Amino acid sequence: MAKFEECLQRLEKIVQELEKGEVSLEKSLTLFEEGVQLSSACRKELEQAEGRVDILLKKNGKLQAEPFEPQADQAPARR
């Protein structure tokens, strides 16, 4: 999952650079666009990982893996 962590690190650097306010408007827009793309890529990887998560449950004295299913009453993720 190195790609996710690399995207996240780059996204953090972009946020820090934008927060400084020392870049031109054109550079700010370029960084913002890159940040949006990175955020989307990170979200996609997290959604894929969520689909692979299993929960270990003890049934009849044995551990069994069952797919994780989020609770239906949770609010949908913002897009």
PDB file of N, CA and C in Angstrom:
ATOM      1  N   MET A   1       0.822  -1.189   0.000  1.00  0.00           N
ATOM      2  CA  MET A   1       0.000   0.000   0.000  1.00  0.00           C
ATOM      3  C   MET A   1       0.868   1.256   0.000  1.00  0.00           C
ATOM      4  N   ALA A   2       2.072   1.125  -0.490  1.00  0.00           N
ATOM      5  CA  ALA A   2       2.992   2.253  -0.533  1.00  0.00           C
ATOM      6  C   ALA A   2       2.427   3.387  -1.383  1.00  0.00           C
ATOM      7  N   LYS A   3       1.701   3.056  -2.432  1.00  0.00           N
ATOM      8  CA  LYS A   3       1.150   4.099  -3.292  1.00  0.00           C
ATOM      9  C   LYS A   3       0.219   5.011  -2.502  1.00  0.00           C
ATOM     10  N   PHE A   4      -0.637   4.436  -1.679  1.00  0.00           N
ATOM     11  CA  PHE A   4      -1.554   5.235  -0.866  1.00  0.00           C
ATOM     12  C   PHE A   4      -0.764   6.172   0.041  1.00  0.00           C
ATOM     13  N   GLU A   5       0.240   5.629   0.708  1.00  0.00           N
ATOM     14  CA  GLU A   5       1.018   6.439   1.640  1.00  0.00           C
ATOM     15  C   GLU A   5       1.798   7.534   0.921  1.00  0.00           C
ATOM     16  N   GLU A   6       2.301   7.236  -0.283  1.00  0.00           N
ATOM     17  CA  GLU A   6       2.998   8.253  -1.074  1.00  0.00           C
ATOM     18  C   GLU A   6       2.036   9.368  -1.483  1.00  0.00           C
ATOM     19  N   CYS A   7       0.830   8.992  -1.905  1.00  0.00           N
ATOM     20  CA  CYS A   7      -0.188   9.985  -2.274  1.00  0.00           C
ATOM     21  C   CYS A   7      -0.534  10.861  -1.086  1.00  0.00           C
ATOM     22  N   LEU A   8      -0.700  10.242   0.063  1.00  0.00           N
ATOM     23  CA  LEU A   8      -1.060  10.970   1.268  1.00  0.00           C
ATOM     24  C   LEU A   8       0.050  11.939   1.677  1.00  0.00           C
ATOM     25  N   GLN A   9       1.303  11.510   1.584  1.00  0.00           N
ATOM     26  CA  GLN A   9       2.422  12.383   1.923  1.00  0.00           C
ATOM     27  C   GLN A   9       2.488  13.577   0.975  1.00  0.00           C
ATOM     28  N   ARG A  10       2.286  13.332  -0.318  1.00  0.00           N
ATOM     29  CA  ARG A  10       2.305  14.421  -1.290  1.00  0.00           C
ATOM     30  C   ARG A  10       1.146  15.379  -1.019  1.00  0.00           C
ATOM     31  N   LEU A  11      -0.002  14.838  -0.698  1.00  0.00           N
ATOM     32  CA  LEU A  11      -1.164  15.668  -0.393  1.00  0.00           C
ATOM     33  C   LEU A  11      -0.886  16.557   0.821  1.00  0.00           C
ATOM     34  N   GLU A  12      -0.238  16.017   1.830  1.00  0.00           N
ATOM     35  CA  GLU A  12       0.113  16.804   3.021  1.00  0.00           C
ATOM     36  C   GLU A  12       1.076  17.933   2.664  1.00  0.00           C
ATOM     37  N   LYS A  13       2.036  17.659   1.778  1.00  0.00           N
ATOM     38  CA  LYS A  13       2.986  18.698   1.356  1.00  0.00           C
ATOM     39  C   LYS A  13       2.267  19.801   0.582  1.00  0.00           C
ATOM     40  N   ILE A  14       1.318  19.418  -0.249  1.00  0.00           N
ATOM     41  CA  ILE A  14       0.551  20.413  -1.012  1.00  0.00           C
ATOM     42  C   ILE A  14      -0.222  21.312  -0.056  1.00  0.00           C
ATOM     43  N   VAL A  15      -0.871  20.713   0.938  1.00  0.00           N
ATOM     44  CA  VAL A  15      -1.642  21.493   1.910  1.00  0.00           C
ATOM     45  C   VAL A  15      -0.727  22.468   2.641  1.00  0.00           C
ATOM     46  N   GLN A  16       0.436  21.999   3.057  1.00  0.00           N
ATOM     47  CA  GLN A  16       1.378  22.871   3.764  1.00  0.00           C
ATOM     48  C   GLN A  16       1.809  24.037   2.880  1.00  0.00           C
ATOM     49  N   GLU A  17       2.081  23.746   1.615  1.00  0.00           N
ATOM     50  CA  GLU A  17       2.524  24.794   0.691  1.00  0.00           C
ATOM     51  C   GLU A  17       1.417  25.820   0.454  1.00  0.00           C
ATOM     52  N   LEU A  18       0.186  25.343   0.303  1.00  0.00           N
ATOM     53  CA  LEU A  18      -0.936  26.260   0.089  1.00  0.00           C
ATOM     54  C   LEU A  18      -1.223  27.093   1.338  1.00  0.00           C
ATOM     55  N   GLU A  19      -1.072  26.486   2.523  1.00  0.00           N
ATOM     56  CA  GLU A  19      -1.327  27.208   3.767  1.00  0.00           C
ATOM     57  C   GLU A  19      -0.332  28.338   3.996  1.00  0.00           C
ATOM     58  N   LYS A  20       0.886  28.183   3.485  1.00  0.00           N
ATOM     59  CA  LYS A  20       1.887  29.240   3.630  1.00  0.00           C
ATOM     60  C   LYS A  20       1.456  30.500   2.899  1.00  0.00           C
ATOM     61  N   GLY A  21       0.743  30.327   1.779  1.00  0.00           N
ATOM     62  CA  GLY A  21       0.269  31.477   1.015  1.00  0.00           C
ATOM     63  C   GLY A  21       1.364  32.214   0.265  1.00  0.00           C
ATOM     64  N   GLU A  22       2.470  31.553   0.023  1.00  0.00           N
ATOM     65  CA  GLU A  22       3.607  32.211  -0.627  1.00  0.00           C
ATOM     66  C   GLU A  22       3.724  31.869  -2.113  1.00  0.00           C
ATOM     67  N   VAL A  23       2.763  31.146  -2.661  1.00  0.00           N
ATOM     68  CA  VAL A  23       2.834  30.769  -4.076  1.00  0.00           C
ATOM     69  C   VAL A  23       1.865  31.626  -4.881  1.00  0.00           C
ATOM     70  N   SER A  24       2.152  31.753  -6.169  1.00  0.00           N
ATOM     71  CA  SER A  24       1.309  32.560  -7.052  1.00  0.00           C
ATOM     72  C   SER A  24      -0.064  31.909  -7.213  1.00  0.00           C
ATOM     73  N   LEU A  25      -0.999  32.685  -7.728  1.00  0.00           N
ATOM     74  CA  LEU A  25      -2.344  32.168  -7.951  1.00  0.00           C
ATOM     75  C   LEU A  25      -2.304  30.993  -8.914  1.00  0.00           C
ATOM     76  N   GLU A  26      -1.534  31.116  -9.984  1.00  0.00           N
ATOM     77  CA  GLU A  26      -1.435  30.036 -10.977  1.00  0.00           C
ATOM     78  C   GLU A  26      -0.873  28.763 -10.344  1.00  0.00           C
ATOM     79  N   LYS A  27       0.175  28.906  -9.548  1.00  0.00           N
ATOM     80  CA  LYS A  27       0.771  27.750  -8.871  1.00  0.00           C
ATOM     81  C   LYS A  27      -0.211  27.169  -7.847  1.00  0.00           C
ATOM     82  N   SER A  28      -0.947  28.036  -7.163  1.00  0.00           N
ATOM     83  CA  SER A  28      -1.948  27.568  -6.190  1.00  0.00           C
ATOM     84  C   SER A  28      -3.011  26.725  -6.879  1.00  0.00           C
ATOM     85  N   LEU A  29      -3.469  27.169  -8.036  1.00  0.00           N
ATOM     86  CA  LEU A  29      -4.480  26.417  -8.782  1.00  0.00           C
ATOM     87  C   LEU A  29      -3.936  25.063  -9.236  1.00  0.00           C
ATOM     88  N   THR A  30      -2.701  25.056  -9.696  1.00  0.00           N
ATOM     89  CA  THR A  30      -2.066  23.809 -10.131  1.00  0.00           C
ATOM     90  C   THR A  30      -1.951  22.841  -8.952  1.00  0.00           C
ATOM     91  N   LEU A  31      -1.509  23.342  -7.797  1.00  0.00           N
ATOM     92  CA  LEU A  31      -1.384  22.508  -6.604  1.00  0.00           C
ATOM     93  C   LEU A  31      -2.753  22.010  -6.144  1.00  0.00           C
ATOM     94  N   PHE A  32      -3.757  22.890  -6.199  1.00  0.00           N
ATOM     95  CA  PHE A  32      -5.098  22.501  -5.794  1.00  0.00           C
ATOM     96  C   PHE A  32      -5.624  21.373  -6.678  1.00  0.00           C
ATOM     97  N   GLU A  33      -5.438  21.488  -7.988  1.00  0.00           N
ATOM     98  CA  GLU A  33      -5.886  20.443  -8.914  1.00  0.00           C
ATOM     99  C   GLU A  33      -5.185  19.121  -8.630  1.00  0.00           C
ATOM    100  N   GLU A  34      -3.872  19.189  -8.379  1.00  0.00           N
ATOM    101  CA  GLU A  34      -3.131  17.967  -8.046  1.00  0.00           C
ATOM    102  C   GLU A  34      -3.659  17.367  -6.748  1.00  0.00           C
ATOM    103  N   GLY A  35      -3.951  18.218  -5.776  1.00  0.00           N
ATOM    104  CA  GLY A  35      -4.474  17.752  -4.501  1.00  0.00           C
ATOM    105  C   GLY A  35      -5.821  17.056  -4.644  1.00  0.00           C
ATOM    106  N   VAL A  36      -6.678  17.599  -5.497  1.00  0.00           N
ATOM    107  CA  VAL A  36      -7.987  16.984  -5.720  1.00  0.00           C
ATOM    108  C   VAL A  36      -7.809  15.601  -6.342  1.00  0.00           C
ATOM    109  N   GLN A  37      -6.901  15.483  -7.303  1.00  0.00           N
ATOM    110  CA  GLN A  37      -6.641  14.186  -7.946  1.00  0.00           C
ATOM    111  C   GLN A  37      -6.072  13.186  -6.944  1.00  0.00           C
ATOM    112  N   LEU A  38      -5.147  13.632  -6.113  1.00  0.00           N
ATOM    113  CA  LEU A  38      -4.561  12.751  -5.103  1.00  0.00           C
ATOM    114  C   LEU A  38      -5.614  12.315  -4.082  1.00  0.00           C
ATOM    115  N   SER A  39      -6.456  13.237  -3.674  1.00  0.00           N
ATOM    116  CA  SER A  39      -7.515  12.917  -2.724  1.00  0.00           C
ATOM    117  C   SER A  39      -8.456  11.859  -3.299  1.00  0.00           C
ATOM    118  N   SER A  40      -8.794  12.012  -4.555  1.00  0.00           N
ATOM    119  CA  SER A  40      -9.666  11.048  -5.227  1.00  0.00           C
ATOM    120  C   SER A  40      -9.004   9.669  -5.302  1.00  0.00           C
ATOM    121  N   ALA A  41      -7.711   9.649  -5.628  1.00  0.00           N
ATOM    122  CA  ALA A  41      -6.976   8.385  -5.718  1.00  0.00           C
ATOM    123  C   ALA A  41      -6.913   7.706  -4.345  1.00  0.00           C
ATOM    124  N   CYS A  42      -6.670   8.483  -3.287  1.00  0.00           N
ATOM    125  CA  CYS A  42      -6.618   7.931  -1.930  1.00  0.00           C
ATOM    126  C   CYS A  42      -7.977   7.359  -1.534  1.00  0.00           C
ATOM    127  N   ARG A  43      -9.033   8.100  -1.834  1.00  0.00           N
ATOM    128  CA  ARG A  43     -10.385   7.637  -1.491  1.00  0.00           C
ATOM    129  C   ARG A  43     -10.687   6.322  -2.206  1.00  0.00           C
ATOM    130  N   LYS A  44     -10.313   6.229  -3.470  1.00  0.00           N
ATOM    131  CA  LYS A  44     -10.567   5.009  -4.246  1.00  0.00           C
ATOM    132  C   LYS A  44      -9.832   3.820  -3.635  1.00  0.00           C
ATOM    133  N   GLU A  45      -8.571   4.022  -3.260  1.00  0.00           N
ATOM    134  CA  GLU A  45      -7.808   2.933  -2.646  1.00  0.00           C
ATOM    135  C   GLU A  45      -8.412   2.516  -1.306  1.00  0.00           C
ATOM    136  N   LEU A  46      -8.884   3.480  -0.523  1.00  0.00           N
ATOM    137  CA  LEU A  46      -9.517   3.145   0.759  1.00  0.00           C
ATOM    138  C   LEU A  46     -10.802   2.356   0.552  1.00  0.00           C
ATOM    139  N   GLU A  47     -11.577   2.736  -0.452  1.00  0.00           N
ATOM    140  CA  GLU A  47     -12.815   2.010  -0.734  1.00  0.00           C
ATOM    141  C   GLU A  47     -12.519   0.577  -1.166  1.00  0.00           C
ATOM    142  N   GLN A  48     -11.457   0.401  -1.969  1.00  0.00           N
ATOM    143  CA  GLN A  48     -11.074  -0.946  -2.387  1.00  0.00           C
ATOM    144  C   GLN A  48     -10.595  -1.759  -1.194  1.00  0.00           C
ATOM    145  N   ALA A  49      -9.833  -1.136  -0.311  1.00  0.00           N
ATOM    146  CA  ALA A  49      -9.342  -1.837   0.878  1.00  0.00           C
ATOM    147  C   ALA A  49     -10.504  -2.221   1.786  1.00  0.00           C
ATOM    148  N   GLU A  50     -11.482  -1.338   1.900  1.00  0.00           N
ATOM    149  CA  GLU A  50     -12.643  -1.629   2.742  1.00  0.00           C
ATOM    150  C   GLU A  50     -13.357  -2.886   2.262  1.00  0.00           C
ATOM    151  N   GLY A  51     -13.401  -3.069   0.954  1.00  0.00           N
ATOM    152  CA  GLY A  51     -14.046  -4.250   0.394  1.00  0.00           C
ATOM    153  C   GLY A  51     -13.306  -5.537   0.696  1.00  0.00           C
ATOM    154  N   ARG A  52     -12.034  -5.437   1.061  1.00  0.00           N
ATOM    155  CA  ARG A  52     -11.236  -6.634   1.334  1.00  0.00           C
ATOM    156  C   ARG A  52     -11.108  -6.936   2.827  1.00  0.00           C
ATOM    157  N   VAL A  53     -11.633  -6.068   3.650  1.00  0.00           N
ATOM    158  CA  VAL A  53     -11.500  -6.254   5.093  1.00  0.00           C
ATOM    159  C   VAL A  53     -12.417  -7.380   5.562  1.00  0.00           C
ATOM    160  N   ASP A  54     -11.865  -8.248   6.370  1.00  0.00           N
ATOM    161  CA  ASP A  54     -12.643  -9.327   6.961  1.00  0.00           C
ATOM    162  C   ASP A  54     -12.666  -9.153   8.476  1.00  0.00           C
ATOM    163  N   ILE A  55     -13.706  -9.655   9.061  1.00  0.00           N
ATOM    164  CA  ILE A  55     -13.835  -9.661  10.513  1.00  0.00           C
ATOM    165  C   ILE A  55     -13.700 -11.107  10.969  1.00  0.00           C
ATOM    166  N   LEU A  56     -12.900 -11.314  11.991  1.00  0.00           N
ATOM    167  CA  LEU A  56     -12.773 -12.649  12.550  1.00  0.00           C
ATOM    168  C   LEU A  56     -13.809 -12.828  13.645  1.00  0.00           C
ATOM    169  N   LEU A  57     -14.644 -13.817  13.482  1.00  0.00           N
ATOM    170  CA  LEU A  57     -15.679 -14.116  14.466  1.00  0.00           C
ATOM    171  C   LEU A  57     -15.467 -15.519  14.996  1.00  0.00           C
ATOM    172  N   LYS A  58     -15.746 -15.683  16.262  1.00  0.00           N
ATOM    173  CA  LYS A  58     -15.619 -16.998  16.873  1.00  0.00           C
ATOM    174  C   LYS A  58     -16.981 -17.682  16.844  1.00  0.00           C
ATOM    175  N   LYS A  59     -17.043 -18.770  16.097  1.00  0.00           N
ATOM    176  CA  LYS A  59     -18.281 -19.541  16.000  1.00  0.00           C
ATOM    177  C   LYS A  59     -17.967 -20.988  16.327  1.00  0.00           C
ATOM    178  N   ASN A  60     -18.726 -21.533  17.220  1.00  0.00           N
ATOM    179  CA  ASN A  60     -18.545 -22.922  17.641  1.00  0.00           C
ATOM    180  C   ASN A  60     -17.100 -23.208  18.055  1.00  0.00           C
ATOM    181  N   GLY A  61     -16.476 -22.241  18.736  1.00  0.00           N
ATOM    182  CA  GLY A  61     -15.126 -22.434  19.239  1.00  0.00           C
ATOM    183  C   GLY A  61     -14.030 -22.254  18.204  1.00  0.00           C
ATOM    184  N   LYS A  62     -14.380 -21.890  16.958  1.00  0.00           N
ATOM    185  CA  LYS A  62     -13.387 -21.701  15.902  1.00  0.00           C
ATOM    186  C   LYS A  62     -13.500 -20.292  15.339  1.00  0.00           C
ATOM    187  N   LEU A  63     -12.350 -19.739  14.921  1.00  0.00           N
ATOM    188  CA  LEU A  63     -12.353 -18.428  14.288  1.00  0.00           C
ATOM    189  C   LEU A  63     -12.749 -18.578  12.822  1.00  0.00           C
ATOM    190  N   GLN A  64     -13.661 -17.728  12.396  1.00  0.00           N
ATOM    191  CA  GLN A  64     -14.096 -17.723  11.009  1.00  0.00           C
ATOM    192  C   GLN A  64     -14.042 -16.297  10.492  1.00  0.00           C
ATOM    193  N   ALA A  65     -13.578 -16.128   9.252  1.00  0.00           N
ATOM    194  CA  ALA A  65     -13.547 -14.811   8.632  1.00  0.00           C
ATOM    195  C   ALA A  65     -14.851 -14.559   7.895  1.00  0.00           C
ATOM    196  N   GLU A  66     -15.390 -13.361   8.111  1.00  0.00           N
ATOM    197  CA  GLU A  66     -16.589 -12.939   7.404  1.00  0.00           C
ATOM    198  C   GLU A  66     -16.328 -11.552   6.843  1.00  0.00           C
ATOM    199  N   PRO A  67     -16.863 -11.250   5.663  1.00  0.00           N
ATOM    200  CA  PRO A  67     -16.641  -9.917   5.092  1.00  0.00           C
ATOM    201  C   PRO A  67     -17.219  -8.821   5.971  1.00  0.00           C
ATOM    202  N   PHE A  68     -16.510  -7.721   6.037  1.00  0.00           N
ATOM    203  CA  PHE A  68     -16.982  -6.559   6.784  1.00  0.00           C
ATOM    204  C   PHE A  68     -18.018  -5.837   5.944  1.00  0.00           C
ATOM    205  N   GLU A  69     -19.143  -5.517   6.551  1.00  0.00           N
ATOM    206  CA  GLU A  69     -20.173  -4.737   5.877  1.00  0.00           C
ATOM    207  C   GLU A  69     -20.505  -3.548   6.760  1.00  0.00           C
ATOM    208  N   PRO A  70     -20.284  -2.322   6.252  1.00  0.00           N
ATOM    209  CA  PRO A  70     -20.578  -1.135   7.053  1.00  0.00           C
ATOM    210  C   PRO A  70     -22.043  -1.092   7.454  1.00  0.00           C
ATOM    211  N   GLN A  71     -22.313  -0.450   8.570  1.00  0.00           N
ATOM    212  CA  GLN A  71     -23.686  -0.318   9.045  1.00  0.00           C
ATOM    213  C   GLN A  71     -24.469   0.559   8.079  1.00  0.00           C
ATOM    214  N   ALA A  72     -25.689   0.165   7.800  1.00  0.00           N
ATOM    215  CA  ALA A  72     -26.530   0.893   6.843  1.00  0.00           C
ATOM    216  C   ALA A  72     -26.943   2.260   7.366  1.00  0.00           C
ATOM    217  N   ASP A  73     -26.953   2.453   8.687  1.00  0.00           N
ATOM    218  CA  ASP A  73     -27.418   3.726   9.238  1.00  0.00           C
ATOM    219  C   ASP A  73     -26.348   4.804   9.238  1.00  0.00           C
ATOM    220  N   GLN A  74     -25.137   4.486   8.787  1.00  0.00           N
ATOM    221  CA  GLN A  74     -24.082   5.481   8.718  1.00  0.00           C
ATOM    222  C   GLN A  74     -24.321   6.396   7.527  1.00  0.00           C
ATOM    223  N   ALA A  75     -23.955   7.666   7.684  1.00  0.00           N
ATOM    224  CA  ALA A  75     -24.119   8.622   6.597  1.00  0.00           C
ATOM    225  C   ALA A  75     -23.162   8.260   5.467  1.00  0.00           C
ATOM    226  N   PRO A  76     -23.580   8.441   4.209  1.00  0.00           N
ATOM    227  CA  PRO A  76     -22.694   8.164   3.087  1.00  0.00           C
ATOM    228  C   PRO A  76     -21.503   9.111   3.078  1.00  0.00           C
ATOM    229  N   ALA A  77     -20.398   8.629   2.568  1.00  0.00           N
ATOM    230  CA  ALA A  77     -19.181   9.440   2.497  1.00  0.00           C
ATOM    231  C   ALA A  77     -19.394  10.608   1.549  1.00  0.00           C
ATOM    232  N   ARG A  78     -18.803  11.745   1.892  1.00  0.00           N
ATOM    233  CA  ARG A  78     -18.893  12.908   1.018  1.00  0.00           C
ATOM    234  C   ARG A  78     -18.033  12.703  -0.211  1.00  0.00           C
ATOM    235  N   ARG A  79     -18.478  13.196  -1.302  1.00  0.00           N
ATOM    236  CA  ARG A  79     -17.728  13.088  -2.569  1.00  0.00           C
ATOM    237  C   ARG A  79     -17.421  14.457  -3.103  1.00  0.00           C
TER     238      ARG A  79
END
